[in-house]
Structure formats: C-alpha cells, structure tokens
C-alpha cells in the first residue's frame, strides 16, 4: 500500500481508498455494511464507482429510517 484516504459520505465514514503501489490504482476498502458489496473494487477514472457507492449508501440509509 502506497497511500490511503478516508472515504466519507454525508459525514459518515464508509471506507478507505487504497492506492496499490504495484499498479498505481485505487481500490475501495469497505467498512460500512451498506456498501460492503463494493469492497475491493478498483476505482475508475470516470468516477462512476464512487457515484455507485454513494447512491447505494444513501439508498440503504433512506430505507432504514423508521417513521
């Protein structure tokens, strides 16, 4: 591992972005249950994976709110 960065959504810590020193790619290390399905996925330059993670987290968070 070369570097890592905290990945937060709406102020909630959901995982890390880890840069692999061999391939110089960033992969997502999920720690929040709502985004575990994205664990260890490689981030692309378009940002689509980041958007998918954010959408999944917000969807899961919205569905867990009780009225």
PDB file of N, CA and C in Angstrom:
ATOM      1  N   UNK A   1       0.846  -1.171   0.000  1.00  0.00           N
ATOM      2  CA  UNK A   1       0.000   0.000   0.000  1.00  0.00           C
ATOM      3  C   UNK A   1       0.890   1.233   0.000  1.00  0.00           C
ATOM      4  N   UNK A   2       0.599   2.129  -0.914  1.00  0.00           N
ATOM      5  CA  UNK A   2       1.342   3.368  -1.012  1.00  0.00           C
ATOM      6  C   UNK A   2       0.687   4.468  -0.178  1.00  0.00           C
ATOM      7  N   UNK A   3      -0.595   4.697  -0.389  1.00  0.00           N
ATOM      8  CA  UNK A   3      -1.343   5.699   0.369  1.00  0.00           C
ATOM      9  C   UNK A   3      -2.774   5.216   0.596  1.00  0.00           C
ATOM     10  N   UNK A   4      -3.439   5.851   1.538  1.00  0.00           N
ATOM     11  CA  UNK A   4      -4.863   5.588   1.746  1.00  0.00           C
ATOM     12  C   UNK A   4      -5.553   6.890   2.130  1.00  0.00           C
ATOM     13  N   UNK A   5      -6.824   6.967   1.788  1.00  0.00           N
ATOM     14  CA  UNK A   5      -7.630   8.146   2.084  1.00  0.00           C
ATOM     15  C   UNK A   5      -8.978   7.687   2.630  1.00  0.00           C
ATOM     16  N   UNK A   6      -9.492   8.423   3.582  1.00  0.00           N
ATOM     17  CA  UNK A   6     -10.799   8.131   4.158  1.00  0.00           C
ATOM     18  C   UNK A   6     -11.872   8.451   3.116  1.00  0.00           C
ATOM     19  N   UNK A   7     -12.860   7.597   3.004  1.00  0.00           N
ATOM     20  CA  UNK A   7     -14.000   7.800   2.098  1.00  0.00           C
ATOM     21  C   UNK A   7     -15.223   8.019   2.970  1.00  0.00           C
ATOM     22  N   UNK A   8     -15.768   9.232   2.929  1.00  0.00           N
ATOM     23  CA  UNK A   8     -16.952   9.589   3.712  1.00  0.00           C
ATOM     24  C   UNK A   8     -18.081   9.973   2.779  1.00  0.00           C
ATOM     25  N   UNK A   9     -19.293   9.691   3.220  1.00  0.00           N
ATOM     26  CA  UNK A   9     -20.492  10.123   2.509  1.00  0.00           C
ATOM     27  C   UNK A   9     -21.390  10.802   3.524  1.00  0.00           C
ATOM     28  N   UNK A  10     -21.714  12.044   3.268  1.00  0.00           N
ATOM     29  CA  UNK A  10     -22.572  12.828   4.167  1.00  0.00           C
ATOM     30  C   UNK A  10     -22.045  12.806   5.602  1.00  0.00           C
ATOM     31  N   UNK A  11     -20.722  12.838   5.746  1.00  0.00           N
ATOM     32  CA  UNK A  11     -20.094  12.864   7.059  1.00  0.00           C
ATOM     33  C   UNK A  11     -19.971  11.518   7.742  1.00  0.00           C
ATOM     34  N   UNK A  12     -20.350  10.442   7.056  1.00  0.00           N
ATOM     35  CA  UNK A  12     -20.279   9.099   7.626  1.00  0.00           C
ATOM     36  C   UNK A  12     -19.110   8.350   6.978  1.00  0.00           C
ATOM     37  N   UNK A  13     -18.241   7.805   7.794  1.00  0.00           N
ATOM     38  CA  UNK A  13     -17.101   7.028   7.321  1.00  0.00           C
ATOM     39  C   UNK A  13     -17.603   5.692   6.788  1.00  0.00           C
ATOM     40  N   UNK A  14     -17.332   5.430   5.493  1.00  0.00           N
ATOM     41  CA  UNK A  14     -17.797   4.175   4.899  1.00  0.00           C
ATOM     42  C   UNK A  14     -16.655   3.278   4.438  1.00  0.00           C
ATOM     43  N   UNK A  15     -15.447   3.824   4.327  1.00  0.00           N
ATOM     44  CA  UNK A  15     -14.324   3.008   3.896  1.00  0.00           C
ATOM     45  C   UNK A  15     -13.086   3.820   3.595  1.00  0.00           C
ATOM     46  N   UNK A  16     -12.134   3.148   2.973  1.00  0.00           N
ATOM     47  CA  UNK A  16     -10.873   3.769   2.575  1.00  0.00           C
ATOM     48  C   UNK A  16     -10.679   3.622   1.077  1.00  0.00           C
ATOM     49  N   UNK A  17      -9.954   4.554   0.488  1.00  0.00           N
ATOM     50  CA  UNK A  17      -9.436   4.395  -0.861  1.00  0.00           C
ATOM     51  C   UNK A  17      -7.963   4.079  -0.694  1.00  0.00           C
ATOM     52  N   UNK A  18      -7.550   2.942  -1.190  1.00  0.00           N
ATOM     53  CA  UNK A  18      -6.178   2.478  -1.004  1.00  0.00           C
ATOM     54  C   UNK A  18      -5.493   2.439  -2.363  1.00  0.00           C
ATOM     55  N   UNK A  19      -4.352   3.091  -2.449  1.00  0.00           N
ATOM     56  CA  UNK A  19      -3.584   3.060  -3.687  1.00  0.00           C
ATOM     57  C   UNK A  19      -2.607   1.907  -3.636  1.00  0.00           C
ATOM     58  N   UNK A  20      -2.715   1.039  -4.615  1.00  0.00           N
ATOM     59  CA  UNK A  20      -1.836  -0.116  -4.728  1.00  0.00           C
ATOM     60  C   UNK A  20      -0.531   0.339  -5.375  1.00  0.00           C
ATOM     61  N   UNK A  21       0.572   0.169  -4.693  1.00  0.00           N
ATOM     62  CA  UNK A  21       1.854   0.659  -5.194  1.00  0.00           C
ATOM     63  C   UNK A  21       2.323  -0.083  -6.434  1.00  0.00           C
ATOM     64  N   UNK A  22       1.857  -1.291  -6.655  1.00  0.00           N
ATOM     65  CA  UNK A  22       2.294  -2.046  -7.829  1.00  0.00           C
ATOM     66  C   UNK A  22       1.597  -1.577  -9.101  1.00  0.00           C
ATOM     67  N   UNK A  23       0.307  -1.308  -9.001  1.00  0.00           N
ATOM     68  CA  UNK A  23      -0.457  -0.941 -10.199  1.00  0.00           C
ATOM     69  C   UNK A  23      -0.851   0.528 -10.212  1.00  0.00           C
ATOM     70  N   UNK A  24      -0.608   1.216  -9.132  1.00  0.00           N
ATOM     71  CA  UNK A  24      -0.972   2.634  -9.009  1.00  0.00           C
ATOM     72  C   UNK A  24      -2.458   2.867  -9.244  1.00  0.00           C
ATOM     73  N   UNK A  25      -3.272   1.922  -8.820  1.00  0.00           N
ATOM     74  CA  UNK A  25      -4.722   2.065  -8.890  1.00  0.00           C
ATOM     75  C   UNK A  25      -5.260   2.236  -7.479  1.00  0.00           C
ATOM     76  N   UNK A  26      -6.453   2.815  -7.380  1.00  0.00           N
ATOM     77  CA  UNK A  26      -7.092   2.921  -6.082  1.00  0.00           C
ATOM     78  C   UNK A  26      -8.196   1.885  -6.010  1.00  0.00           C
ATOM     79  N   UNK A  27      -8.249   1.210  -4.876  1.00  0.00           N
ATOM     80  CA  UNK A  27      -9.339   0.271  -4.653  1.00  0.00           C
ATOM     81  C   UNK A  27     -10.080   0.695  -3.394  1.00  0.00           C
ATOM     82  N   UNK A  28     -11.320   0.276  -3.315  1.00  0.00           N
ATOM     83  CA  UNK A  28     -12.181   0.656  -2.210  1.00  0.00           C
ATOM     84  C   UNK A  28     -12.175  -0.433  -1.156  1.00  0.00           C
ATOM     85  N   UNK A  29     -11.877  -0.067   0.078  1.00  0.00           N
ATOM     86  CA  UNK A  29     -11.915  -0.978   1.209  1.00  0.00           C
ATOM     87  C   UNK A  29     -13.135  -0.593   2.051  1.00  0.00           C
ATOM     88  N   UNK A  30     -14.201  -1.358   1.939  1.00  0.00           N
ATOM     89  CA  UNK A  30     -15.470  -1.038   2.607  1.00  0.00           C
ATOM     90  C   UNK A  30     -15.427  -1.420   4.084  1.00  0.00           C
ATOM     91  N   UNK A  31     -15.952  -0.551   4.931  1.00  0.00           N
ATOM     92  CA  UNK A  31     -16.097  -0.858   6.352  1.00  0.00           C
ATOM     93  C   UNK A  31     -17.549  -0.717   6.817  1.00  0.00           C
ATOM     94  N   UNK A  32     -18.374  -0.058   6.036  1.00  0.00           N
ATOM     95  CA  UNK A  32     -19.785   0.133   6.392  1.00  0.00           C
ATOM     96  C   UNK A  32     -20.616  -0.947   5.710  1.00  0.00           C
ATOM     97  N   UNK A  33     -21.529  -1.551   6.445  1.00  0.00           N
ATOM     98  CA  UNK A  33     -22.346  -2.652   5.908  1.00  0.00           C
ATOM     99  C   UNK A  33     -23.120  -2.262   4.645  1.00  0.00           C
ATOM    100  N   UNK A  34     -23.547  -1.006   4.547  1.00  0.00           N
ATOM    101  CA  UNK A  34     -24.360  -0.573   3.415  1.00  0.00           C
ATOM    102  C   UNK A  34     -23.615  -0.625   2.087  1.00  0.00           C
ATOM    103  N   UNK A  35     -22.284  -0.632   2.137  1.00  0.00           N
ATOM    104  CA  UNK A  35     -21.501  -0.607   0.893  1.00  0.00           C
ATOM    105  C   UNK A  35     -20.532  -1.785   0.785  1.00  0.00           C
ATOM    106  N   UNK A  36     -20.743  -2.822   1.579  1.00  0.00           N
ATOM    107  CA  UNK A  36     -19.850  -3.995   1.564  1.00  0.00           C
ATOM    108  C   UNK A  36     -19.770  -4.655   0.188  1.00  0.00           C
ATOM    109  N   UNK A  37     -20.809  -4.538  -0.621  1.00  0.00           N
ATOM    110  CA  UNK A  37     -20.792  -5.164  -1.947  1.00  0.00           C
ATOM    111  C   UNK A  37     -19.747  -4.541  -2.872  1.00  0.00           C
ATOM    112  N   UNK A  38     -19.244  -3.374  -2.523  1.00  0.00           N
ATOM    113  CA  UNK A  38     -18.231  -2.701  -3.333  1.00  0.00           C
ATOM    114  C   UNK A  38     -16.809  -2.947  -2.822  1.00  0.00           C
ATOM    115  N   UNK A  39     -16.672  -3.734  -1.776  1.00  0.00           N
ATOM    116  CA  UNK A  39     -15.369  -3.978  -1.169  1.00  0.00           C
ATOM    117  C   UNK A  39     -14.363  -4.521  -2.184  1.00  0.00           C
ATOM    118  N   UNK A  40     -13.191  -3.934  -2.193  1.00  0.00           N
ATOM    119  CA  UNK A  40     -12.054  -4.355  -3.003  1.00  0.00           C
ATOM    120  C   UNK A  40     -12.204  -4.080  -4.499  1.00  0.00           C
ATOM    121  N   UNK A  41     -13.183  -3.266  -4.870  1.00  0.00           N
ATOM    122  CA  UNK A  41     -13.346  -2.910  -6.280  1.00  0.00           C
ATOM    123  C   UNK A  41     -12.369  -1.800  -6.640  1.00  0.00           C
ATOM    124  N   UNK A  42     -11.897  -1.816  -7.875  1.00  0.00           N
ATOM    125  CA  UNK A  42     -10.959  -0.817  -8.377  1.00  0.00           C
ATOM    126  C   UNK A  42     -11.736   0.401  -8.865  1.00  0.00           C
ATOM    127  N   UNK A  43     -11.312   1.591  -8.449  1.00  0.00           N
ATOM    128  CA  UNK A  43     -11.947   2.820  -8.899  1.00  0.00           C
ATOM    129  C   UNK A  43     -11.472   3.163 -10.302  1.00  0.00           C
ATOM    130  N   UNK A  44     -12.407   3.592 -11.125  1.00  0.00           N
ATOM    131  CA  UNK A  44     -12.064   4.019 -12.475  1.00  0.00           C
ATOM    132  C   UNK A  44     -11.916   5.540 -12.520  1.00  0.00           C
ATOM    133  N   UNK A  45     -11.362   6.024 -13.584  1.00  0.00           N
ATOM    134  CA  UNK A  45     -11.108   7.472 -13.706  1.00  0.00           C
ATOM    135  C   UNK A  45     -12.388   8.271 -13.904  1.00  0.00           C
ATOM    136  N   UNK A  46     -13.448   7.649 -14.370  1.00  0.00           N
ATOM    137  CA  UNK A  46     -14.693   8.378 -14.640  1.00  0.00           C
ATOM    138  C   UNK A  46     -15.440   8.757 -13.363  1.00  0.00           C
ATOM    139  N   UNK A  47     -15.132   8.085 -12.263  1.00  0.00           N
ATOM    140  CA  UNK A  47     -15.820   8.368 -11.010  1.00  0.00           C
ATOM    141  C   UNK A  47     -17.126   7.617 -10.853  1.00  0.00           C
ATOM    142  N   UNK A  48     -17.423   6.715 -11.783  1.00  0.00           N
ATOM    143  CA  UNK A  48     -18.705   6.018 -11.709  1.00  0.00           C
ATOM    144  C   UNK A  48     -18.814   5.111 -10.483  1.00  0.00           C
ATOM    145  N   UNK A  49     -17.725   4.486 -10.078  1.00  0.00           N
ATOM    146  CA  UNK A  49     -17.782   3.632  -8.892  1.00  0.00           C
ATOM    147  C   UNK A  49     -18.051   4.463  -7.642  1.00  0.00           C
ATOM    148  N   UNK A  50     -17.429   5.599  -7.532  1.00  0.00           N
ATOM    149  CA  UNK A  50     -17.680   6.491  -6.386  1.00  0.00           C
ATOM    150  C   UNK A  50     -19.144   6.896  -6.334  1.00  0.00           C
ATOM    151  N   UNK A  51     -19.722   7.191  -7.485  1.00  0.00           N
ATOM    152  CA  UNK A  51     -21.144   7.557  -7.531  1.00  0.00           C
ATOM    153  C   UNK A  51     -22.032   6.372  -7.144  1.00  0.00           C
ATOM    154  N   UNK A  52     -21.671   5.175  -7.595  1.00  0.00           N
ATOM    155  CA  UNK A  52     -22.447   3.986  -7.252  1.00  0.00           C
ATOM    156  C   UNK A  52     -22.403   3.710  -5.749  1.00  0.00           C
ATOM    157  N   UNK A  53     -21.237   3.863  -5.162  1.00  0.00           N
ATOM    158  CA  UNK A  53     -21.088   3.665  -3.718  1.00  0.00           C
ATOM    159  C   UNK A  53     -21.960   4.668  -2.971  1.00  0.00           C
ATOM    160  N   UNK A  54     -21.900   5.923  -3.400  1.00  0.00           N
ATOM    161  CA  UNK A  54     -22.693   6.980  -2.755  1.00  0.00           C
ATOM    162  C   UNK A  54     -24.183   6.701  -2.894  1.00  0.00           C
ATOM    163  N   UNK A  55     -24.630   6.320  -4.081  1.00  0.00           N
ATOM    164  CA  UNK A  55     -26.049   6.010  -4.297  1.00  0.00           C
ATOM    165  C   UNK A  55     -26.504   4.850  -3.426  1.00  0.00           C
ATOM    166  N   UNK A  56     -25.694   3.797  -3.364  1.00  0.00           N
ATOM    167  CA  UNK A  56     -26.052   2.626  -2.551  1.00  0.00           C
ATOM    168  C   UNK A  56     -26.152   2.991  -1.076  1.00  0.00           C
ATOM    169  N   UNK A  57     -25.187   3.777  -0.595  1.00  0.00           N
ATOM    170  CA  UNK A  57     -25.207   4.180   0.808  1.00  0.00           C
ATOM    171  C   UNK A  57     -26.456   4.998   1.124  1.00  0.00           C
ATOM    172  N   UNK A  58     -26.745   5.979   0.282  1.00  0.00           N
ATOM    173  CA  UNK A  58     -27.912   6.839   0.528  1.00  0.00           C
ATOM    174  C   UNK A  58     -29.212   6.063   0.416  1.00  0.00           C
ATOM    175  N   UNK A  59     -29.274   5.124  -0.510  1.00  0.00           N
ATOM    176  CA  UNK A  59     -30.475   4.274  -0.639  1.00  0.00           C
ATOM    177  C   UNK A  59     -30.662   3.436   0.613  1.00  0.00           C
ATOM    178  N   UNK A  60     -29.595   2.811   1.084  1.00  0.00           N
ATOM    179  CA  UNK A  60     -29.675   1.974   2.284  1.00  0.00           C
ATOM    180  C   UNK A  60     -30.012   2.810   3.513  1.00  0.00           C
ATOM    181  N   UNK A  61     -29.427   3.975   3.596  1.00  0.00           N
ATOM    182  CA  UNK A  61     -29.670   4.858   4.739  1.00  0.00           C
ATOM    183  C   UNK A  61     -31.104   5.361   4.743  1.00  0.00           C
ATOM    184  N   UNK A  62     -31.633   5.661   3.563  1.00  0.00           N
ATOM    185  CA  UNK A  62     -33.019   6.125   3.440  1.00  0.00           C
ATOM    186  C   UNK A  62     -34.024   5.059   3.776  1.00  0.00           C
ATOM    187  N   UNK A  63     -33.703   3.811   3.435  1.00  0.00           N
ATOM    188  CA  UNK A  63     -34.650   2.715   3.693  1.00  0.00           C
ATOM    189  C   UNK A  63     -34.611   2.257   5.151  1.00  0.00           C
ATOM    190  N   UNK A  64     -33.577   2.670   5.902  1.00  0.00           N
ATOM    191  CA  UNK A  64     -33.504   2.250   7.297  1.00  0.00           C
ATOM    192  C   UNK A  64     -34.148   3.246   8.251  1.00  0.00           C
ATOM    193  N   UNK A  65     -34.639   4.355   7.712  1.00  0.00           N
ATOM    194  CA  UNK A  65     -35.291   5.369   8.552  1.00  0.00           C
ATOM    195  C   UNK A  65     -36.703   4.903   8.876  1.00  0.00           C
ATOM    196  N   UNK A  66     -37.019   4.841  10.143  1.00  0.00           N
ATOM    197  CA  UNK A  66     -38.370   4.422  10.526  1.00  0.00           C
ATOM    198  C   UNK A  66     -39.231   5.641  10.858  1.00  0.00           C
ATOM    199  N   UNK A  67     -40.504   5.530  10.521  1.00  0.00           N
ATOM    200  CA  UNK A  67     -41.450   6.644  10.752  1.00  0.00           C
ATOM    201  C   UNK A  67     -42.402   6.289  11.851  1.00  0.00           C
TER     202      UNK A  67
END
